[in-house]
Amino acid sequence: MHSEEGDVPLPLKKLGLEVYDRVRVFKGGSVYEGILMPRTEVLGDEYVLIKMDNGYNVGFKISETRIELAFKHRNNPLPHHDSLPAIKRTLPKVSVIGTGGTIASRVEYRTGAVYPSLSAEDLYASIPELGDIAAISTRNLFTIFSEDMRPEHWSTVARAVADEVRDGEVQGIVITHGTDTLGYTAAALSFALRGLPIPVVLVGAQRSSDRPSSDAALNMMGAAVVAARAPFAEVVVVMHETLSDESLVVLRGTRTRKCHTSRRDAFKAVNDSPIARIEGGKEVKVLAKDLNPRSNDRSSFKVYPEFEPRVALLKVYPGIPHEAVEWPIQAGFKGVVIEGTGLGHAPSYVFQSVKKLVDNGLVVAMASQCLWGRVNMNVYRTGVELLRIGVIPCEDMIPETALVKLMWCLANSKDTDEAKRLMLTNIAGEIKPRTQYQGAW
């Protein structure tokens, strides 16, 4: 007999202990107290894992410890907020739309459970400073991992934003989102929301609120400040500028990329600079000049929320076979973004496969794996031949933005010729006539 994954180790079962009970672990003259976490297949029945009050998980070999119950988890319900700051109705009204992600969840230490915390009550309780920034209302669309986002989710978010924009009282919108695909959603909303009169701010957290180094609270405050006070009306991303808490940056939605797996300053503007900075958590310092101004006139606002999901992002590599290039034809795809090398190249031996894509009616575009810099397919013979085949150069767009844009163009065009024209047209700051180099760190 053994314990199942997600249960507690067998020796602790015999003691009557359950997952999320609060326990004390005695080892080597020291006492450790925390929440009993579920057993994992890796640790098996020989180890116990507890979550300490500082947010860290600590494991102990059961045979080397003495473990006793502090109190049962069922006797400690989720907390309610006894004292909340009064909502100041004179402050700008900001709508917070939840899609999931680290920033929209928290750990309840008495049970060890992780649960969504996107209600206005939760936000004001966990970040009291919000009470001096905005009058917040919340709406939870869905709670999913950002890697599970699909084009249909972008459409749902775009329509929800449109509903809020058409509420004449809302002065800004914040969207909480997981960080892994935050850049894709930011680009999608940049194309879907045309003529915005107010800011739409996407925000995430690299580290959850149960960790001492969490960036969740400061990022949320910065997003609320931009939504409530920024003089521009753009789809933007707000995240940490450096490893410290000194400042946050505001990045254009079509230029944002997650460039590090875990650092708090993981998000960078590619081929662009931050359009604004937030210092001291309260004021927005505008850095760019070519921004759409905030406006009280909402008559020009339109939403185009549809995306064609049958578009592939194809990264070329040394030795890529013909089949890897041609599979979108058999799969019934409508478009392909090639993530080429250098200035926008692909191996010459697959040119016939690329031509098959074009001849079968697919819209084929070229972005670069290099990220910084721009595609220029007129320099070398391989690029020129791809242009002759009909491949569209994506200028200085990052591959993710090019993918999302092609999905949007195909869904909002009457034919492929119009989609091709739109791909070459700057719609939301994704194409600049002059490339700006901006290093990562």
Protein backbone atom coordinates (compact mmCIF):
# COMPACT_ATOMS: atom_id res chain seq x y z
CA MET A 1 0.00 0.00 0.00
CA HIS A 2 1.22 3.49 -0.82
CA SER A 3 -0.12 7.02 -1.07
CA GLU A 4 -1.33 8.47 -4.34
CA GLU A 5 0.12 11.64 -5.80
CA GLY A 6 -1.75 14.63 -4.34
CA ASP A 7 -2.39 12.80 -1.08
CA VAL A 8 -0.15 12.87 2.01
CA PRO A 9 2.67 10.35 2.58
CA LEU A 10 1.52 7.08 4.14
CA PRO A 11 3.31 7.60 7.52
CA LEU A 12 1.43 10.89 7.93
CA LYS A 13 -1.87 9.27 6.97
CA LYS A 14 -1.40 6.93 9.92
CA LEU A 15 -1.10 10.01 12.14
CA GLY A 16 -4.44 11.28 10.87
CA LEU A 17 -2.90 14.18 8.98
CA GLU A 18 -4.47 15.58 5.81
CA VAL A 19 -3.38 17.86 2.99
CA TYR A 20 -3.38 21.54 4.09
CA ASP A 21 -3.31 20.74 7.79
CA ARG A 22 -0.97 23.04 9.69
CA VAL A 23 1.87 20.98 11.18
CA ARG A 24 5.02 21.38 13.23
CA VAL A 25 8.16 19.55 12.13
CA PHE A 26 10.83 18.91 14.78
CA LYS A 27 14.33 18.28 13.49
CA GLY A 28 17.77 18.74 15.03
CA GLY A 29 16.60 20.97 17.85
CA SER A 30 14.64 23.26 15.51
CA VAL A 31 10.90 23.56 14.94
CA TYR A 32 9.43 24.35 11.54
CA GLU A 33 5.75 25.20 11.14
CA GLY A 34 3.78 25.35 7.93
CA ILE A 35 1.04 23.96 5.72
CA LEU A 36 1.23 20.27 4.79
CA MET A 37 1.44 20.14 1.01
CA PRO A 38 0.33 17.24 -1.22
CA ARG A 39 2.64 14.33 -1.81
CA THR A 40 4.36 14.23 -5.20
CA GLU A 41 5.54 11.24 -7.20
CA VAL A 42 9.11 12.53 -7.00
CA LEU A 43 9.24 12.75 -3.21
CA GLY A 44 7.19 9.63 -2.57
CA ASP A 45 6.29 8.46 0.94
CA GLU A 46 9.72 9.13 2.45
CA TYR A 47 9.49 12.91 2.56
CA VAL A 48 7.14 15.56 3.86
CA LEU A 49 6.72 18.93 2.15
CA ILE A 50 5.44 22.00 4.00
CA LYS A 51 4.81 25.57 2.89
CA MET A 52 6.35 28.02 5.34
CA ASP A 53 4.75 31.36 6.21
CA ASN A 54 7.42 33.10 4.12
CA GLY A 55 6.00 31.37 1.04
CA TYR A 56 8.78 28.85 0.46
CA ASN A 57 8.31 25.08 0.34
CA VAL A 58 10.65 23.00 2.51
CA GLY A 59 11.05 19.23 2.40
CA PHE A 60 12.11 16.88 5.21
CA LYS A 61 12.90 13.19 5.37
CA ILE A 62 10.13 11.78 7.56
CA SER A 63 12.39 9.22 9.29
CA GLU A 64 14.61 12.04 10.58
CA THR A 65 11.82 14.19 12.03
CA ARG A 66 8.95 14.24 14.49
CA ILE A 67 5.75 15.72 13.12
CA GLU A 68 2.69 16.88 15.04
CA LEU A 69 -0.58 18.58 14.15
CA ALA A 70 -0.96 22.29 14.87
CA PHE A 71 -4.59 22.50 13.69
CA LYS A 72 -6.83 20.98 11.06
CA HIS A 73 -7.31 22.84 7.80
CA ARG A 74 -11.09 22.47 7.88
CA ASN A 75 -11.24 24.56 11.04
CA ASN A 76 -9.65 27.52 9.25
CA PRO A 77 -11.82 28.86 6.42
CA LEU A 78 -10.65 31.38 3.87
CA PRO A 79 -10.25 34.79 5.42
CA HIS A 80 -12.76 37.58 5.03
CA HIS A 81 -11.71 41.18 4.95
CA ASP A 82 -12.82 42.96 8.10
CA SER A 83 -11.56 46.39 7.13
CA LEU A 84 -11.37 47.68 3.58
CA PRO A 85 -10.58 51.17 2.38
CA ALA A 86 -13.64 53.13 1.35
CA ILE A 87 -13.95 53.39 -2.43
CA LYS A 88 -13.46 57.01 -3.43
CA ARG A 89 -16.08 57.58 -6.09
CA THR A 90 -14.38 60.80 -7.18
CA LEU A 91 -11.38 58.83 -8.46
CA PRO A 92 -11.21 57.62 -12.08
CA LYS A 93 -13.22 54.48 -12.68
CA VAL A 94 -10.99 51.59 -13.76
CA SER A 95 -12.30 48.21 -14.87
CA VAL A 96 -10.11 45.17 -14.15
CA ILE A 97 -10.72 42.19 -16.45
CA GLY A 98 -9.30 38.86 -15.32
CA THR A 99 -8.03 36.10 -17.58
CA GLY A 100 -5.88 34.22 -15.07
CA GLY A 101 -2.18 34.12 -14.38
CA THR A 102 0.04 34.49 -11.34
CA ILE A 103 -1.00 38.07 -10.66
CA ALA A 104 -4.67 37.11 -10.27
CA SER A 105 -4.17 34.40 -7.63
CA ARG A 106 -2.81 34.08 -4.15
CA VAL A 107 -2.01 31.50 -1.48
CA GLU A 108 -4.14 31.26 1.64
CA TYR A 109 -1.58 30.17 4.21
CA ARG A 110 -3.99 28.59 6.66
CA THR A 111 -5.16 26.09 4.06
CA GLY A 112 -2.28 26.16 1.61
CA ALA A 113 -4.75 26.58 -1.24
CA VAL A 114 -4.17 28.79 -4.26
CA TYR A 115 -7.28 30.59 -5.38
CA PRO A 116 -8.30 33.47 -7.68
CA SER A 117 -8.23 36.87 -5.98
CA LEU A 118 -9.65 39.21 -8.56
CA SER A 119 -12.64 40.61 -6.70
CA ALA A 120 -12.46 44.30 -5.87
CA GLU A 121 -12.52 43.27 -2.22
CA ASP A 122 -9.46 41.07 -2.65
CA LEU A 123 -7.58 43.70 -4.64
CA TYR A 124 -8.21 46.49 -2.15
CA ALA A 125 -7.39 44.18 0.77
CA SER A 126 -4.11 42.90 -0.68
CA ILE A 127 -3.07 46.24 -2.26
CA PRO A 128 -4.59 49.04 -0.13
CA GLU A 129 -2.74 51.67 -2.20
CA LEU A 130 -5.22 51.02 -5.02
CA GLY A 131 -7.78 52.89 -2.93
CA ASP A 132 -5.93 56.13 -3.65
CA ILE A 133 -5.51 55.43 -7.38
CA ALA A 134 -8.85 54.40 -8.79
CA ALA A 135 -12.41 53.28 -8.13
CA ILE A 136 -12.04 49.67 -9.25
CA SER A 137 -14.62 47.25 -10.55
CA THR A 138 -13.74 43.71 -11.60
CA ARG A 139 -14.90 41.18 -14.14
CA ASN A 140 -13.45 37.68 -14.41
CA LEU A 141 -13.68 36.33 -17.97
CA PHE A 142 -11.82 33.07 -17.35
CA THR A 143 -9.02 31.68 -15.22
CA ILE A 144 -6.56 29.79 -17.40
CA PHE A 145 -2.83 29.39 -17.82
CA SER A 146 -1.62 31.82 -20.44
CA GLU A 147 -0.09 28.98 -22.46
CA ASP A 148 -3.66 27.73 -22.95
CA MET A 149 -4.72 30.99 -24.63
CA ARG A 150 -6.12 30.60 -28.14
CA PRO A 151 -7.28 33.12 -30.74
CA GLU A 152 -10.88 32.66 -29.62
CA HIS A 153 -9.84 33.86 -26.15
CA TRP A 154 -8.39 37.02 -27.69
CA SER A 155 -11.76 37.59 -29.35
CA THR A 156 -13.56 37.18 -26.03
CA VAL A 157 -11.22 39.64 -24.32
CA ALA A 158 -11.57 42.16 -27.16
CA ARG A 159 -15.36 42.06 -26.92
CA ALA A 160 -15.22 42.44 -23.14
CA VAL A 161 -12.94 45.45 -23.47
CA ALA A 162 -15.32 46.94 -26.04
CA ASP A 163 -18.20 46.61 -23.57
CA GLU A 164 -16.20 48.50 -20.96
CA VAL A 165 -15.04 51.20 -23.39
CA ARG A 166 -18.64 51.85 -24.40
CA ASP A 167 -19.44 52.46 -20.73
CA GLY A 168 -18.77 56.17 -20.82
CA GLU A 169 -17.74 56.23 -17.16
CA VAL A 170 -14.78 53.86 -17.43
CA GLN A 171 -11.53 55.82 -17.70
CA GLY A 172 -9.16 52.90 -18.18
CA ILE A 173 -9.02 49.12 -18.38
CA VAL A 174 -6.56 46.69 -16.78
CA ILE A 175 -6.29 43.07 -17.99
CA THR A 176 -4.58 40.58 -15.70
CA HIS A 177 -2.80 37.89 -17.69
CA GLY A 178 -0.24 35.13 -17.34
CA THR A 179 3.19 36.24 -18.53
CA ASP A 180 4.09 33.43 -20.95
CA THR A 181 1.83 34.58 -23.79
CA LEU A 182 1.05 38.09 -22.58
CA GLY A 183 2.83 39.58 -25.61
CA TYR A 184 0.61 37.67 -28.05
CA THR A 185 -2.57 38.94 -26.37
CA ALA A 186 -1.23 42.50 -26.23
CA ALA A 187 -0.57 42.38 -29.98
CA ALA A 188 -3.98 40.85 -30.68
CA LEU A 189 -5.81 43.58 -28.77
CA SER A 190 -3.69 46.24 -30.47
CA PHE A 191 -5.11 45.16 -33.83
CA ALA A 192 -8.64 44.38 -32.64
CA LEU A 193 -9.32 47.66 -30.81
CA ARG A 194 -9.30 50.59 -33.21
CA GLY A 195 -9.72 54.24 -32.22
CA LEU A 196 -9.31 53.62 -28.51
CA PRO A 197 -10.28 56.62 -26.36
CA ILE A 198 -8.78 55.24 -23.11
CA PRO A 199 -5.76 53.10 -22.11
CA VAL A 200 -5.97 49.30 -22.13
CA VAL A 201 -3.24 47.91 -19.88
CA LEU A 202 -2.09 44.29 -19.74
CA VAL A 203 -0.24 43.29 -16.59
CA GLY A 204 1.21 40.12 -15.13
CA ALA A 205 3.57 38.93 -12.42
CA GLN A 206 6.73 36.89 -12.72
CA ARG A 207 6.56 35.85 -9.07
CA SER A 208 3.43 35.05 -7.10
CA SER A 209 2.22 37.03 -4.12
CA ASP A 210 3.29 34.28 -1.69
CA ARG A 211 6.97 34.89 -2.50
CA PRO A 212 9.00 37.58 -0.75
CA SER A 213 10.29 38.87 -4.11
CA SER A 214 6.84 39.12 -5.69
CA ASP A 215 6.29 41.81 -8.31
CA ALA A 216 2.51 41.36 -8.32
CA ALA A 217 1.45 44.28 -6.11
CA LEU A 218 3.71 46.90 -7.68
CA ASN A 219 2.83 45.81 -11.21
CA MET A 220 -0.86 45.99 -10.38
CA MET A 221 -0.49 49.46 -8.88
CA GLY A 222 1.42 50.65 -11.95
CA ALA A 223 -1.20 49.23 -14.30
CA ALA A 224 -3.96 51.00 -12.37
CA VAL A 225 -2.02 54.29 -12.47
CA VAL A 226 -1.62 54.06 -16.25
CA ALA A 227 -5.28 53.12 -16.75
CA ALA A 228 -6.47 55.97 -14.54
CA ARG A 229 -4.02 58.77 -15.33
CA ALA A 230 -2.01 58.22 -18.51
CA PRO A 231 -2.63 60.91 -21.15
CA PHE A 232 -2.50 58.36 -23.99
CA ALA A 233 -4.99 55.80 -25.27
CA GLU A 234 -3.02 52.72 -26.35
CA VAL A 235 -2.88 48.97 -25.73
CA VAL A 236 0.18 48.65 -23.49
CA VAL A 237 2.00 46.30 -21.13
CA VAL A 238 3.18 47.39 -17.67
CA MET A 239 5.97 45.44 -15.94
CA HIS A 240 9.17 45.98 -13.94
CA GLU A 241 11.91 47.98 -15.66
CA THR A 242 14.80 46.49 -13.62
CA LEU A 243 15.27 43.90 -10.89
CA SER A 244 14.55 46.57 -8.25
CA ASP A 245 11.21 48.15 -7.39
CA GLU A 246 12.31 51.65 -8.38
CA SER A 247 10.38 51.90 -11.64
CA LEU A 248 8.00 50.21 -14.05
CA VAL A 249 7.91 50.60 -17.82
CA VAL A 250 5.01 50.96 -20.21
CA LEU A 251 5.57 49.02 -23.44
CA ARG A 252 3.64 49.22 -26.70
CA GLY A 253 1.45 46.14 -27.19
CA THR A 254 2.85 45.22 -30.61
CA ARG A 255 6.48 45.56 -29.50
CA THR A 256 6.53 43.57 -26.29
CA ARG A 257 8.38 40.32 -25.74
CA LYS A 258 9.10 38.18 -22.70
CA CYS A 259 12.89 37.86 -22.93
CA HIS A 260 13.67 35.95 -19.73
CA THR A 261 12.01 33.00 -18.06
CA SER A 262 11.96 34.29 -14.48
CA ARG A 263 13.48 37.77 -13.99
CA ARG A 264 11.14 40.51 -12.86
CA ASP A 265 12.39 42.70 -15.72
CA ALA A 266 11.75 39.99 -18.30
CA PHE A 267 9.63 42.13 -20.61
CA LYS A 268 11.36 44.35 -23.15
CA ALA A 269 10.39 46.54 -26.07
CA VAL A 270 11.89 45.03 -29.22
CA ASN A 271 12.97 47.52 -31.92
CA ASP A 272 11.38 50.20 -29.77
CA SER A 273 11.79 52.04 -26.47
CA PRO A 274 9.35 52.14 -23.55
CA ILE A 275 6.65 54.69 -24.25
CA ALA A 276 6.39 55.71 -20.59
CA ARG A 277 7.85 55.07 -17.15
CA ILE A 278 6.22 54.92 -13.73
CA GLU A 279 8.41 56.15 -10.89
CA GLY A 280 7.40 56.05 -7.26
CA GLY A 281 4.33 54.03 -8.16
CA LYS A 282 2.18 57.13 -8.74
CA GLU A 283 3.09 59.23 -11.75
CA VAL A 284 3.30 58.39 -15.46
CA LYS A 285 6.28 59.96 -17.23
CA VAL A 286 5.61 59.90 -20.98
CA LEU A 287 8.72 59.11 -23.08
CA ALA A 288 7.32 58.81 -26.62
CA LYS A 289 5.78 61.39 -28.91
CA ASP A 290 3.78 59.34 -31.41
CA LEU A 291 0.97 58.33 -29.04
CA ASN A 292 -2.79 58.41 -29.46
CA PRO A 293 -4.20 60.90 -26.94
CA ARG A 294 -6.82 60.03 -24.35
CA SER A 295 -10.24 61.35 -25.35
CA ASN A 296 -13.76 61.68 -24.02
CA ASP A 297 -15.12 61.09 -27.53
CA ARG A 298 -15.88 57.40 -28.01
CA SER A 299 -17.72 57.67 -31.30
CA SER A 300 -14.69 56.63 -33.37
CA PHE A 301 -14.04 53.48 -31.36
CA LYS A 302 -14.51 50.20 -33.24
CA VAL A 303 -13.73 46.59 -32.44
CA TYR A 304 -12.63 43.94 -34.94
CA PRO A 305 -12.34 40.90 -32.69
CA GLU A 306 -12.00 38.07 -35.21
CA PHE A 307 -8.80 36.10 -35.81
CA GLU A 308 -8.10 33.33 -38.31
CA PRO A 309 -6.59 30.51 -36.20
CA ARG A 310 -5.27 28.50 -39.15
CA VAL A 311 -1.99 30.38 -39.39
CA ALA A 312 1.35 28.74 -38.64
CA LEU A 313 4.62 30.12 -37.28
CA LEU A 314 7.37 28.16 -39.02
CA LYS A 315 10.92 28.47 -37.76
CA VAL A 316 13.51 27.47 -40.34
CA TYR A 317 16.68 25.74 -39.26
CA PRO A 318 19.66 23.98 -40.86
CA GLY A 319 18.38 20.75 -42.37
CA ILE A 320 14.68 21.58 -42.23
CA PRO A 321 12.94 19.07 -44.54
CA HIS A 322 10.46 19.89 -47.29
CA GLU A 323 7.68 18.19 -45.34
CA ALA A 324 8.09 20.60 -42.43
CA VAL A 325 7.53 23.54 -44.78
CA GLU A 326 4.62 22.04 -46.74
CA TRP A 327 2.50 20.58 -43.93
CA PRO A 328 0.25 23.70 -43.64
CA ILE A 329 -1.12 22.88 -47.11
CA GLN A 330 -2.36 19.45 -46.06
CA ALA A 331 -3.63 20.89 -42.77
CA GLY A 332 -5.81 23.43 -44.58
CA PHE A 333 -4.04 26.49 -43.21
CA LYS A 334 -4.61 29.97 -44.61
CA GLY A 335 -1.26 31.56 -43.84
CA VAL A 336 2.31 31.01 -42.66
CA VAL A 337 4.81 33.31 -40.97
CA ILE A 338 8.32 32.06 -41.64
CA GLU A 339 10.74 32.85 -38.85
CA GLY A 340 13.77 33.11 -41.07
CA THR A 341 17.44 33.65 -40.42
CA GLY A 342 19.23 36.99 -40.55
CA LEU A 343 17.65 39.55 -42.86
CA GLY A 344 14.84 37.16 -43.78
CA HIS A 345 16.26 34.04 -45.33
CA ALA A 346 15.42 30.37 -45.69
CA PRO A 347 17.48 27.48 -47.10
CA SER A 348 17.45 27.64 -50.88
CA TYR A 349 16.64 23.93 -51.17
CA VAL A 350 13.14 24.55 -49.68
CA PHE A 351 12.26 27.40 -52.05
CA GLN A 352 10.04 25.07 -54.09
CA SER A 353 8.19 24.13 -50.89
CA VAL A 354 7.68 27.82 -50.06
CA LYS A 355 6.40 28.35 -53.61
CA LYS A 356 3.92 25.52 -53.10
CA LEU A 357 2.53 27.38 -50.09
CA VAL A 358 1.99 30.52 -52.18
CA ASP A 359 0.64 28.59 -55.19
CA ASN A 360 -1.91 26.91 -52.93
CA GLY A 361 -3.30 30.28 -51.86
CA LEU A 362 -1.58 30.67 -48.50
CA VAL A 363 -0.38 34.13 -47.47
CA VAL A 364 3.31 33.71 -46.58
CA ALA A 365 5.20 36.36 -44.59
CA MET A 366 8.80 36.59 -43.38
CA ALA A 367 10.02 37.67 -39.93
CA SER A 368 13.51 37.25 -38.49
CA GLN A 369 14.76 35.02 -35.72
CA CYS A 370 17.14 37.82 -34.73
CA LEU A 371 14.40 39.92 -33.11
CA TRP A 372 16.43 43.13 -33.11
CA GLY A 373 16.78 44.72 -36.52
CA ARG A 374 14.51 44.40 -39.53
CA VAL A 375 13.89 42.11 -42.45
CA ASN A 376 15.56 43.26 -45.67
CA MET A 377 15.12 40.70 -48.42
CA ASN A 378 16.76 42.81 -51.13
CA VAL A 379 20.35 42.33 -49.92
CA TYR A 380 21.12 38.69 -50.74
CA ARG A 381 19.98 36.43 -53.55
CA THR A 382 18.04 34.11 -51.22
CA GLY A 383 15.92 37.00 -49.99
CA VAL A 384 15.31 38.35 -53.49
CA GLU A 385 14.15 34.94 -54.72
CA LEU A 386 11.74 34.61 -51.80
CA LEU A 387 10.31 38.03 -52.65
CA ARG A 388 9.81 36.88 -56.24
CA ILE A 389 7.98 33.81 -55.01
CA GLY A 390 5.56 36.12 -53.17
CA VAL A 391 6.78 36.13 -49.58
CA ILE A 392 5.81 39.32 -47.70
CA PRO A 393 8.56 41.02 -45.65
CA CYS A 394 7.46 41.80 -42.09
CA GLU A 395 9.81 44.78 -41.74
CA ASP A 396 10.81 45.14 -38.05
CA MET A 397 7.94 43.14 -36.55
CA ILE A 398 8.81 40.45 -34.03
CA PRO A 399 7.63 36.96 -35.10
CA GLU A 400 4.86 36.77 -32.49
CA THR A 401 3.36 40.06 -33.60
CA ALA A 402 3.65 39.05 -37.27
CA LEU A 403 1.78 35.82 -36.50
CA VAL A 404 -1.02 37.59 -34.65
CA LYS A 405 -1.25 40.29 -37.31
CA LEU A 406 -1.58 37.75 -40.12
CA MET A 407 -4.33 35.99 -38.15
CA TRP A 408 -6.12 39.33 -37.82
CA CYS A 409 -5.56 40.40 -41.44
CA LEU A 410 -6.94 37.17 -42.85
CA ALA A 411 -10.04 37.38 -40.64
CA ASN A 412 -10.72 41.02 -41.51
CA SER A 413 -10.03 41.08 -45.25
CA LYS A 414 -12.31 40.35 -48.17
CA ASP A 415 -9.53 38.48 -50.01
CA THR A 416 -5.84 37.55 -49.81
CA ASP A 417 -4.76 40.62 -51.77
CA GLU A 418 -6.25 42.88 -49.11
CA ALA A 419 -4.67 40.74 -46.37
CA LYS A 420 -1.26 41.16 -48.03
CA ARG A 421 -1.75 44.91 -48.27
CA LEU A 422 -2.68 45.14 -44.59
CA MET A 423 0.39 43.10 -43.62
CA LEU A 424 2.53 45.83 -45.19
CA THR A 425 0.55 48.64 -43.52
CA ASN A 426 1.41 50.01 -40.08
CA ILE A 427 -1.77 49.58 -38.03
CA ALA A 428 -0.76 49.70 -34.35
CA GLY A 429 2.87 50.76 -34.20
CA GLU A 430 4.15 47.35 -35.30
CA ILE A 431 6.08 48.78 -38.27
CA LYS A 432 8.50 51.68 -38.08
CA PRO A 433 10.28 53.27 -41.04
CA ARG A 434 13.53 53.31 -39.10
CA THR A 435 14.77 50.49 -36.88
CA GLN A 436 15.74 51.38 -33.36
CA TYR A 437 18.20 49.10 -31.60
CA GLN A 438 17.36 48.43 -27.98
CA GLY A 439 19.47 45.85 -26.14
CA ALA A 440 17.87 43.39 -23.75
CA TRP A 441 19.73 44.19 -20.52
